């Protein structure tokens, strides 16, 4: 999925730069859509690792708190 993201994002970046320099409005819209799809693919790719990157306190919220004794 990372390769697909790169295949979409790199040409979109070049098209965006070209469109901004030459005022090519159709290219600007296509480039923005391509970058948007690339960012969505990145979020989908990172969503797989959500459990790994999650904050530790959320993983253990149902268990006892660490070191806190209420005596």
Protein backbone atom coordinates (compact mmCIF):
# COMPACT_ATOMS: atom_id res chain seq x y z
CA UNK A 1 0.00 0.00 0.00
CA UNK A 2 2.96 2.28 0.58
CA UNK A 3 3.98 1.92 -3.07
CA UNK A 4 0.50 2.84 -4.24
CA UNK A 5 0.64 5.90 -2.03
CA UNK A 6 3.99 6.89 -3.54
CA UNK A 7 2.80 6.21 -7.10
CA UNK A 8 -0.17 8.53 -6.58
CA UNK A 9 1.48 11.25 -4.47
CA UNK A 10 4.72 11.97 -6.37
CA UNK A 11 3.14 12.74 -9.77
CA UNK A 12 0.44 14.73 -7.99
CA UNK A 13 3.11 16.85 -6.32
CA UNK A 14 4.79 17.58 -9.64
CA UNK A 15 1.44 18.36 -11.26
CA UNK A 16 0.57 20.67 -8.37
CA UNK A 17 3.83 22.59 -8.75
CA UNK A 18 3.37 22.84 -12.52
CA UNK A 19 -0.23 23.98 -12.08
CA UNK A 20 0.69 26.63 -9.56
CA UNK A 21 3.47 28.01 -11.76
CA UNK A 22 1.39 28.10 -14.95
CA UNK A 23 -2.10 28.81 -13.54
CA UNK A 24 -3.44 25.56 -15.00
CA UNK A 25 -6.70 25.14 -13.07
CA UNK A 26 -7.64 21.65 -14.26
CA UNK A 27 -4.23 20.33 -13.25
CA UNK A 28 -4.56 22.01 -9.88
CA UNK A 29 -7.84 20.21 -9.18
CA UNK A 30 -6.46 16.84 -10.33
CA UNK A 31 -3.31 17.29 -8.26
CA UNK A 32 -5.27 18.23 -5.14
CA UNK A 33 -7.48 15.15 -5.60
CA UNK A 34 -4.41 12.95 -6.03
CA UNK A 35 -2.80 14.32 -2.89
CA UNK A 36 -6.04 13.82 -1.01
CA UNK A 37 -6.18 10.16 -2.08
CA UNK A 38 -2.53 9.75 -1.08
CA UNK A 39 -3.24 11.14 2.38
CA UNK A 40 -6.26 8.87 2.79
CA UNK A 41 -4.13 5.86 1.86
CA UNK A 42 -1.59 6.95 4.46
CA UNK A 43 -4.25 7.13 7.14
CA UNK A 44 -5.57 3.68 6.18
CA UNK A 45 -2.05 2.30 6.32
CA UNK A 46 -1.40 3.83 9.74
CA UNK A 47 -4.80 2.69 11.02
CA UNK A 48 -3.53 -0.90 10.98
CA UNK A 49 -0.94 0.02 13.61
CA UNK A 50 -3.42 1.84 15.85
CA UNK A 51 -3.22 -0.75 18.61
CA UNK A 52 0.58 -0.61 18.58
CA UNK A 53 0.77 3.19 18.64
CA UNK A 54 -2.09 3.70 21.08
CA UNK A 55 -1.41 5.31 24.44
CA UNK A 56 -0.64 2.68 27.11
CA UNK A 57 -3.17 4.05 29.61
CA UNK A 58 -6.00 3.28 27.18
CA UNK A 59 -4.96 -0.34 26.87
CA UNK A 60 -5.15 -0.92 30.62
CA UNK A 61 -8.11 1.27 31.49
CA UNK A 62 -10.23 -1.66 32.67
CA UNK A 63 -7.52 -3.04 34.95
CA UNK A 64 -6.37 -1.64 38.27
CA UNK A 65 -4.32 1.50 38.15
CA UNK A 66 -0.61 1.03 38.52
CA UNK A 67 0.78 1.68 41.99
CA UNK A 68 -2.25 3.58 43.26
CA UNK A 69 -3.46 2.05 46.47
CA UNK A 70 -6.53 3.40 48.18
CA UNK A 71 -5.89 2.28 51.78
